[in-house]
Amino acid sequence: MPLFEYTARNAANGQIQKGQVEVKSKEEVSAYLRKNRMILVSVREAPTKITLGSLRKGKVKIRDIVIFTRQFATMINAGLPLVQSLSILASQTENKSLQEVTRGVVHDVEAGNTLADAFSKHPRAFSDLYVNMVAAGEAGGILDTILIRLATFLEKSDALIRKVKGAMVYPAVIMSVAVIAISVLLIFVIPTFQSMFASVNLELPLPTRVVIGMSQMLIGYWWAGIAAAVASVFLFNRYYATSGGKLQIDGLMLRAPVLGDILRKSAVSRFTRTLGTLISSGVSILDGLEITAKTAGNQVIHNAVMESRQSIAGGETIAAPLEKSKVFPPMVISMIAVGEQTGGLDEMLTKIADFYDEEVDVAVSALLSLMEPLMIVVLGVIVGGMVVAMYLPIFDMMNAVQ
């Protein structure tokens, strides 16, 4: 995302402030400043400076943020001043990007900014959810409690993401081994058989001719295959970057057999845990839904949550538009409706998240149990079929000799 430099006037005391923020457009700079109670004076895109450090700088890992947050909460709870706590964290963290970010936060806090405002200038490290919860903690005087909640939330979210990614590792490894094995056979083994068959001038069976044709195509046009693969990935990414493409592909992913069930359950868990954590920390329901929609990770879920937000703004319930989306299971809709009626929505959302975390575990185990034999059978059929195809002419030669 581009980096913008802004000049703004503080709405409370009228002081002029300058700073930088990394957002998608100038319009989002205005929205960011309004959210932080500032009036935009001027904005421009910051000049790009390409250095070795900037090339290596990336998004800070969730694990590093969890450790940072837990240590920060411990120091605040022990009564250490805010700036001193941040300075200690900056000096002891091993992540260079997080170290640089923390020093920037220290500078901003010393300059008179709130901690939430200082965090909001570093979206690569601190998400909207993180910033809003810290702001709620500062306003309520319970920053240490909020930080502990944040660390717990991030740990569970990270664990959920790793579960879903872990389910994809085994099929990816098997597919990679299959592609390598088939490529070796087609490039090095099949041409040997082809030369042998050509020397005896034997009419080859159809399976053998197909395999030899595949070998010749791979050897002669391997560059076309790579180019086609690169072009396909590029076009897919371009299409997925559009709102319509993202909505269609995310919808197909949710409807996919087995995998779609895992993605749906993980999305429900992430939505309920995020919203529950925000509400219990004092963030308003409207802000909570907007933040939750941004962190949904799926356009279908995002649209459903934003429709729910519009419903709330119009004086209706959360449950009704979520039910219309056909994305959330009936049990989730019913529990959210009960939580709204009883005033215990945050607790109900947390219970739903805990339940679906276990459901994701079960679904991942089921997927792995299904994929193991399936991938082995597929690999065996492909490689075995190629071997049999190459031995068919040899059997014909032996029958001819007899």
Protein backbone atom coordinates (compact mmCIF):
# COMPACT_ATOMS: atom_id res chain seq x y z
CA MET A 1 0.00 0.00 0.00
CA PRO A 2 1.20 3.56 -0.69
CA LEU A 3 2.50 5.77 2.11
CA PHE A 4 0.91 9.21 2.51
CA GLU A 5 2.26 12.26 4.34
CA TYR A 6 -0.42 14.44 5.93
CA THR A 7 -0.79 17.71 7.79
CA ALA A 8 -3.80 17.88 10.11
CA ARG A 9 -5.27 20.06 12.86
CA ASN A 10 -6.22 18.47 16.19
CA ALA A 11 -9.97 19.02 16.70
CA ALA A 12 -9.57 19.30 20.48
CA ASN A 13 -6.81 21.91 20.83
CA GLY A 14 -6.29 23.17 17.25
CA GLN A 15 -2.61 22.17 17.12
CA ILE A 16 -1.09 21.31 13.73
CA GLN A 17 0.32 17.79 13.46
CA LYS A 18 2.26 16.08 10.69
CA GLY A 19 2.62 12.38 10.14
CA GLN A 20 2.56 9.43 7.77
CA VAL A 21 0.02 6.66 7.29
CA GLU A 22 -0.02 3.63 4.99
CA VAL A 23 -3.47 3.27 3.36
CA LYS A 24 -4.91 2.53 -0.08
CA SER A 25 -5.99 6.06 -1.10
CA LYS A 26 -6.19 9.73 -0.08
CA GLU A 27 -9.84 9.20 0.85
CA GLU A 28 -8.77 6.67 3.46
CA VAL A 29 -6.33 9.22 4.88
CA SER A 30 -9.30 11.55 5.50
CA ALA A 31 -11.26 8.72 7.12
CA TYR A 32 -8.27 7.80 9.30
CA LEU A 33 -7.88 11.41 10.50
CA ARG A 34 -11.60 11.81 11.24
CA LYS A 35 -11.46 8.62 13.26
CA ASN A 36 -8.58 10.07 15.27
CA ARG A 37 -10.38 13.39 15.84
CA MET A 38 -8.22 15.43 13.44
CA ILE A 39 -9.08 17.73 10.52
CA LEU A 40 -7.16 17.25 7.27
CA VAL A 41 -5.17 20.26 6.05
CA SER A 42 -3.09 18.69 3.26
CA VAL A 43 -2.02 15.25 2.06
CA ARG A 44 0.42 13.90 -0.52
CA GLU A 45 1.96 10.55 -1.38
CA ALA A 46 5.31 10.14 0.32
CA PRO A 47 8.32 9.83 -2.00
CA THR A 48 9.56 6.27 -2.36
CA LYS A 49 12.99 5.53 -0.91
CA ILE A 50 14.32 2.14 -1.92
CA THR A 51 16.94 0.89 0.51
CA LEU A 52 18.17 -2.53 1.56
CA GLY A 53 16.33 -2.12 4.86
CA SER A 54 13.06 -1.18 3.20
CA LEU A 55 13.28 -4.18 0.89
CA ARG A 56 13.64 -6.51 3.86
CA LYS A 57 10.92 -4.80 5.89
CA GLY A 58 7.67 -6.74 5.97
CA LYS A 59 4.65 -7.52 8.02
CA VAL A 60 5.48 -8.50 11.57
CA LYS A 61 4.57 -12.10 12.45
CA ILE A 62 1.60 -12.67 14.74
CA ARG A 63 3.78 -14.68 17.13
CA ASP A 64 6.06 -11.67 17.66
CA ILE A 65 3.05 -9.41 18.29
CA VAL A 66 1.66 -11.91 20.84
CA ILE A 67 4.93 -11.93 22.80
CA PHE A 68 5.15 -8.14 22.56
CA THR A 69 1.56 -7.76 23.82
CA ARG A 70 1.93 -10.16 26.76
CA GLN A 71 5.16 -8.53 27.91
CA PHE A 72 3.63 -5.07 27.50
CA ALA A 73 0.59 -6.10 29.59
CA THR A 74 2.85 -7.46 32.35
CA MET A 75 4.85 -4.22 32.54
CA ILE A 76 1.75 -2.00 32.58
CA ASN A 77 0.15 -4.19 35.27
CA ALA A 78 3.35 -3.91 37.34
CA GLY A 79 3.07 -0.11 37.26
CA LEU A 80 5.87 0.76 34.82
CA PRO A 81 5.35 4.01 32.87
CA LEU A 82 4.13 3.64 29.30
CA VAL A 83 7.20 5.08 27.56
CA GLN A 84 9.61 3.08 29.73
CA SER A 85 7.72 -0.15 28.98
CA LEU A 86 7.82 0.51 25.24
CA SER A 87 11.52 1.40 25.37
CA ILE A 88 12.31 -1.88 27.13
CA LEU A 89 10.30 -3.81 24.54
CA ALA A 90 12.08 -2.03 21.67
CA SER A 91 15.48 -2.93 23.08
CA GLN A 92 14.77 -6.61 23.78
CA THR A 93 12.71 -7.74 20.78
CA GLU A 94 14.65 -9.86 18.27
CA ASN A 95 12.46 -8.89 15.31
CA LYS A 96 14.12 -5.92 13.59
CA SER A 97 10.91 -4.70 11.95
CA LEU A 98 9.03 -4.76 15.26
CA GLN A 99 11.96 -3.06 16.95
CA GLU A 100 11.82 -0.19 14.45
CA VAL A 101 8.02 0.05 14.79
CA THR A 102 8.21 0.15 18.60
CA ARG A 103 10.77 2.95 18.51
CA GLY A 104 8.42 4.89 16.26
CA VAL A 105 5.58 4.31 18.75
CA VAL A 106 7.80 5.56 21.60
CA HIS A 107 8.57 8.73 19.63
CA ASP A 108 4.88 9.37 18.90
CA VAL A 109 3.81 8.78 22.52
CA GLU A 110 6.54 11.14 23.77
CA ALA A 111 5.25 13.72 21.26
CA GLY A 112 1.84 13.65 22.96
CA ASN A 113 -0.10 11.15 20.84
CA THR A 114 -2.24 8.50 22.46
CA LEU A 115 -0.96 4.93 22.36
CA ALA A 116 -3.75 3.92 19.97
CA ASP A 117 -2.89 6.78 17.60
CA ALA A 118 0.77 5.77 17.69
CA PHE A 119 -0.09 2.14 16.93
CA SER A 120 -2.42 3.15 14.08
CA LYS A 121 0.53 4.60 12.13
CA HIS A 122 1.97 1.09 11.75
CA PRO A 123 -0.73 -1.08 10.10
CA ARG A 124 1.81 -3.73 9.09
CA ALA A 125 2.26 -4.58 12.76
CA PHE A 126 -0.97 -3.45 14.46
CA SER A 127 -4.33 -4.16 12.83
CA ASP A 128 -7.48 -2.04 13.12
CA LEU A 129 -8.74 -4.50 15.71
CA TYR A 130 -5.59 -4.05 17.80
CA VAL A 131 -5.74 -0.25 17.59
CA ASN A 132 -9.43 -0.04 18.51
CA MET A 133 -9.07 -2.36 21.48
CA VAL A 134 -6.09 -0.37 22.77
CA ALA A 135 -8.11 2.84 22.37
CA ALA A 136 -10.95 1.27 24.39
CA GLY A 137 -8.46 0.15 27.04
CA GLU A 138 -6.97 3.64 27.32
CA ALA A 139 -10.40 5.24 27.59
CA GLY A 140 -11.54 2.78 30.27
CA GLY A 141 -8.29 2.71 32.23
CA ILE A 142 -7.95 -1.05 31.77
CA LEU A 143 -5.11 -1.17 29.23
CA ASP A 144 -3.35 -4.14 30.87
CA THR A 145 -6.56 -6.21 30.84
CA ILE A 146 -7.22 -5.34 27.19
CA LEU A 147 -3.65 -6.27 26.22
CA ILE A 148 -4.01 -9.68 27.87
CA ARG A 149 -7.28 -10.22 25.99
CA LEU A 150 -5.57 -9.17 22.78
CA ALA A 151 -2.70 -11.61 23.29
CA THR A 152 -5.13 -14.47 23.98
CA PHE A 153 -7.21 -13.54 20.94
CA LEU A 154 -4.16 -13.37 18.66
CA GLU A 155 -2.85 -16.72 19.91
CA LYS A 156 -6.16 -18.45 19.19
CA SER A 157 -6.51 -16.75 15.80
CA ASP A 158 -2.96 -17.78 14.87
CA ALA A 159 -3.65 -21.36 15.98
CA LEU A 160 -6.78 -21.44 13.81
CA ILE A 161 -4.91 -20.15 10.75
CA ARG A 162 -2.14 -22.72 11.26
CA LYS A 163 -4.72 -25.52 11.48
CA VAL A 164 -6.25 -24.57 8.13
CA LYS A 165 -2.83 -24.12 6.49
CA GLY A 166 -1.67 -27.40 8.00
CA ALA A 167 -4.53 -29.18 6.25
CA MET A 168 -3.15 -27.91 2.93
CA VAL A 169 0.46 -28.96 3.49
CA TYR A 170 0.05 -32.73 3.00
CA PRO A 171 -1.84 -32.52 -0.33
CA ALA A 172 0.63 -29.89 -1.57
CA VAL A 173 3.61 -32.13 -0.71
CA ILE A 174 2.05 -35.18 -2.37
CA MET A 175 1.18 -33.16 -5.50
CA SER A 176 4.72 -31.78 -5.67
CA VAL A 177 6.21 -35.28 -5.40
CA ALA A 178 3.79 -36.51 -8.07
CA VAL A 179 4.72 -33.71 -10.48
CA ILE A 180 8.46 -34.33 -9.94
CA ALA A 181 8.10 -38.10 -10.36
CA ILE A 182 6.02 -37.79 -13.53
CA SER A 183 8.41 -35.18 -14.99
CA VAL A 184 11.43 -37.44 -14.36
CA LEU A 185 9.68 -40.36 -16.04
CA LEU A 186 8.63 -38.30 -19.06
CA ILE A 187 11.99 -36.55 -19.55
CA PHE A 188 14.51 -39.31 -18.77
CA VAL A 189 12.84 -42.74 -18.79
CA ILE A 190 10.25 -42.60 -21.60
CA PRO A 191 12.72 -41.42 -24.31
CA THR A 192 14.83 -44.55 -23.62
CA PHE A 193 11.85 -46.79 -24.27
CA GLN A 194 10.93 -44.72 -27.33
CA SER A 195 14.38 -45.29 -28.88
CA MET A 196 14.14 -49.00 -28.20
CA PHE A 197 10.70 -49.28 -29.80
CA ALA A 198 11.81 -47.22 -32.81
CA SER A 199 14.72 -49.62 -33.47
CA VAL A 200 12.41 -52.64 -33.83
CA ASN A 201 9.82 -50.78 -35.96
CA LEU A 202 6.92 -52.05 -33.85
CA GLU A 203 3.37 -50.66 -34.00
CA LEU A 204 2.70 -49.21 -30.59
CA PRO A 205 -0.54 -49.50 -28.59
CA LEU A 206 -2.59 -46.33 -28.02
CA PRO A 207 -1.61 -45.88 -24.30
CA THR A 208 2.07 -46.09 -25.24
CA ARG A 209 1.66 -43.53 -28.04
CA VAL A 210 -0.13 -41.16 -25.62
CA VAL A 211 2.67 -41.40 -23.05
CA ILE A 212 5.37 -40.89 -25.69
CA GLY A 213 3.45 -37.87 -27.04
CA MET A 214 3.33 -36.40 -23.52
CA SER A 215 7.08 -36.95 -23.20
CA GLN A 216 7.83 -35.24 -26.53
CA MET A 217 5.56 -32.33 -25.65
CA LEU A 218 7.22 -31.81 -22.27
CA ILE A 219 10.75 -32.02 -23.70
CA GLY A 220 10.03 -29.81 -26.71
CA TYR A 221 7.63 -27.28 -25.18
CA TRP A 222 8.48 -27.15 -21.47
CA TRP A 223 8.87 -23.39 -21.76
CA ALA A 224 5.28 -23.08 -23.02
CA GLY A 225 4.03 -25.00 -19.98
CA ILE A 226 5.89 -22.69 -17.61
CA ALA A 227 4.65 -19.62 -19.48
CA ALA A 228 1.07 -20.91 -19.35
CA ALA A 229 1.35 -21.58 -15.62
CA VAL A 230 2.76 -18.09 -14.93
CA ALA A 231 0.10 -16.47 -17.11
CA SER A 232 -2.65 -18.45 -15.36
CA VAL A 233 -1.44 -17.35 -11.91
CA PHE A 234 -1.15 -13.74 -13.09
CA LEU A 235 -4.63 -13.69 -14.63
CA PHE A 236 -6.12 -15.41 -11.58
CA ASN A 237 -4.58 -12.81 -9.26
CA ARG A 238 -5.82 -9.97 -11.48
CA TYR A 239 -9.33 -11.40 -11.49
CA TYR A 240 -9.25 -12.08 -7.74
CA ALA A 241 -8.21 -8.47 -7.15
CA THR A 242 -11.55 -7.27 -8.56
CA SER A 243 -14.54 -7.13 -6.21
CA GLY A 244 -16.66 -9.36 -8.46
CA GLY A 245 -13.89 -11.90 -8.94
CA LYS A 246 -13.10 -12.07 -5.23
CA LEU A 247 -16.79 -12.56 -4.39
CA GLN A 248 -17.21 -15.33 -6.97
CA ILE A 249 -14.02 -17.22 -6.07
CA ASP A 250 -14.59 -16.92 -2.31
CA GLY A 251 -18.14 -18.20 -2.82
CA LEU A 252 -16.85 -21.19 -4.80
CA MET A 253 -14.30 -21.91 -2.07
CA LEU A 254 -17.04 -21.98 0.57
CA ARG A 255 -19.09 -24.39 -1.57
CA ALA A 256 -16.16 -26.73 -2.27
CA PRO A 257 -16.58 -30.26 -0.85
CA VAL A 258 -14.73 -30.92 2.44
CA LEU A 259 -12.40 -27.91 2.11
CA GLY A 260 -15.38 -25.53 1.96
CA ASP A 261 -16.63 -26.93 5.27
CA ILE A 262 -13.27 -26.16 6.92
CA LEU A 263 -13.16 -22.63 5.47
CA ARG A 264 -16.75 -21.94 6.55
CA LYS A 265 -16.15 -23.15 10.11
CA SER A 266 -12.87 -21.24 10.44
CA ALA A 267 -14.58 -18.08 9.10
CA VAL A 268 -17.40 -18.44 11.64
CA SER A 269 -14.88 -18.96 14.44
CA ARG A 270 -12.81 -15.92 13.40
CA PHE A 271 -15.91 -13.72 13.03
CA THR A 272 -17.43 -14.64 16.39
CA ARG A 273 -14.16 -14.48 18.33
CA THR A 274 -13.16 -11.13 16.81
CA LEU A 275 -16.56 -9.52 17.39
CA GLY A 276 -16.88 -11.00 20.88
CA THR A 277 -13.43 -9.75 21.89
CA LEU A 278 -14.14 -6.25 20.57
CA ILE A 279 -17.55 -5.94 22.27
CA SER A 280 -16.25 -7.24 25.61
CA SER A 281 -13.43 -4.67 25.42
CA GLY A 282 -15.83 -1.74 25.10
CA VAL A 283 -15.71 -1.18 21.33
CA SER A 284 -19.12 -0.15 19.94
CA ILE A 285 -21.09 -2.77 18.02
CA LEU A 286 -20.98 -0.74 14.77
CA ASP A 287 -17.20 -0.23 14.91
CA GLY A 288 -16.80 -3.86 15.95
CA LEU A 289 -18.73 -5.13 12.93
CA GLU A 290 -16.75 -2.91 10.55
CA ILE A 291 -13.42 -4.16 11.93
CA THR A 292 -14.65 -7.75 11.90
CA ALA A 293 -15.69 -7.44 8.25
CA LYS A 294 -12.18 -6.24 7.31
CA THR A 295 -10.57 -9.23 9.04
CA ALA A 296 -13.03 -11.81 7.67
CA GLY A 297 -10.65 -13.02 4.95
CA ASN A 298 -13.58 -13.91 2.67
CA GLN A 299 -15.63 -11.50 0.54
CA VAL A 300 -18.89 -13.41 1.09
CA ILE A 301 -18.44 -13.20 4.87
CA HIS A 302 -17.38 -9.54 4.57
CA ASN A 303 -20.56 -8.63 2.66
CA ALA A 304 -22.77 -10.49 5.13
CA VAL A 305 -21.19 -8.72 8.11
CA MET A 306 -21.46 -5.29 6.48
CA GLU A 307 -25.15 -5.91 5.71
CA SER A 308 -25.55 -6.81 9.37
CA ARG A 309 -23.87 -3.53 10.31
CA GLN A 310 -26.33 -1.59 8.13
CA SER A 311 -29.18 -3.47 9.79
CA ILE A 312 -27.92 -2.49 13.26
CA ALA A 313 -27.53 1.14 12.16
CA GLY A 314 -31.16 1.05 11.02
CA GLY A 315 -32.32 -0.18 14.43
CA GLU A 316 -32.66 -3.88 13.58
CA THR A 317 -30.89 -7.00 14.86
CA ILE A 318 -27.58 -8.59 13.83
CA ALA A 319 -29.04 -12.05 13.36
CA ALA A 320 -31.56 -11.28 10.59
CA PRO A 321 -29.11 -10.21 7.80
CA LEU A 322 -26.65 -12.96 8.80
CA GLU A 323 -29.44 -15.49 8.29
CA LYS A 324 -30.26 -14.02 4.85
CA SER A 325 -26.63 -14.46 3.74
CA LYS A 326 -26.96 -18.28 3.94
CA VAL A 327 -23.32 -18.38 5.09
CA PHE A 328 -23.73 -18.90 8.83
CA PRO A 329 -25.20 -22.15 10.24
CA PRO A 330 -28.64 -21.97 11.91
CA MET A 331 -27.13 -22.73 15.33
CA VAL A 332 -24.89 -19.65 15.09
CA ILE A 333 -27.81 -17.42 14.06
CA SER A 334 -29.95 -18.72 16.95
CA MET A 335 -27.19 -18.24 19.55
CA ILE A 336 -26.47 -14.70 18.32
CA ALA A 337 -30.18 -13.87 18.49
CA VAL A 338 -30.35 -15.19 22.07
CA GLY A 339 -27.22 -13.20 22.97
CA GLU A 340 -28.79 -10.01 21.61
CA GLN A 341 -32.01 -10.58 23.57
CA THR A 342 -30.27 -11.38 26.87
CA GLY A 343 -27.58 -8.70 26.63
CA GLY A 344 -24.80 -11.30 26.74
CA LEU A 345 -23.76 -11.15 23.10
CA ASP A 346 -20.00 -11.07 23.81
CA GLU A 347 -20.13 -14.22 25.97
CA MET A 348 -22.33 -16.01 23.44
CA LEU A 349 -19.94 -15.14 20.59
CA THR A 350 -16.99 -16.48 22.57
CA LYS A 351 -18.83 -19.77 23.21
CA ILE A 352 -19.58 -20.09 19.49
CA ALA A 353 -15.90 -19.45 18.66
CA ASP A 354 -14.70 -22.10 21.14
CA PHE A 355 -17.16 -24.62 19.68
CA TYR A 356 -16.11 -23.96 16.09
CA ASP A 357 -12.42 -24.11 16.96
CA GLU A 358 -13.03 -27.73 17.97
CA GLU A 359 -15.11 -28.26 14.83
CA VAL A 360 -12.21 -27.05 12.69
CA ASP A 361 -9.93 -29.58 14.44
CA VAL A 362 -12.35 -32.39 13.61
CA ALA A 363 -12.81 -31.18 10.01
CA VAL A 364 -9.04 -30.91 9.44
CA SER A 365 -8.51 -34.44 10.78
CA ALA A 366 -11.29 -35.72 8.50
CA LEU A 367 -9.75 -33.97 5.49
CA LEU A 368 -6.31 -35.46 6.16
CA SER A 369 -7.82 -38.92 6.64
CA LEU A 370 -9.58 -38.57 3.30
CA MET A 371 -6.66 -37.04 1.41
CA GLU A 372 -3.99 -39.58 2.43
CA PRO A 373 -5.38 -42.67 0.68
CA LEU A 374 -6.87 -40.61 -2.16
CA MET A 375 -3.57 -38.93 -3.07
CA ILE A 376 -1.64 -42.21 -2.81
CA VAL A 377 -4.15 -43.93 -5.11
CA VAL A 378 -4.04 -41.07 -7.62
CA LEU A 379 -0.23 -41.03 -7.63
CA GLY A 380 -0.10 -44.81 -7.95
CA VAL A 381 -2.58 -44.86 -10.84
CA ILE A 382 -0.71 -42.15 -12.79
CA VAL A 383 2.81 -43.54 -12.34
CA GLY A 384 1.66 -47.16 -12.59
CA GLY A 385 -0.36 -46.38 -15.71
CA MET A 386 2.68 -44.84 -17.39
CA VAL A 387 4.85 -47.86 -16.53
CA VAL A 388 2.22 -50.31 -17.82
CA ALA A 389 1.81 -48.26 -21.02
CA MET A 390 5.54 -48.54 -21.72
CA TYR A 391 5.62 -52.30 -21.07
CA LEU A 392 2.66 -53.13 -23.31
CA PRO A 393 4.83 -53.18 -26.49
CA ILE A 394 7.36 -55.44 -24.72
CA PHE A 395 4.57 -57.92 -23.94
CA ASP A 396 3.53 -57.76 -27.61
CA MET A 397 7.13 -58.44 -28.68
CA MET A 398 7.35 -61.46 -26.36
CA ASN A 399 4.06 -62.86 -27.70
CA ALA A 400 5.31 -62.37 -31.27
CA VAL A 401 8.54 -64.31 -30.52
CA GLN A 402 6.57 -67.21 -29.02
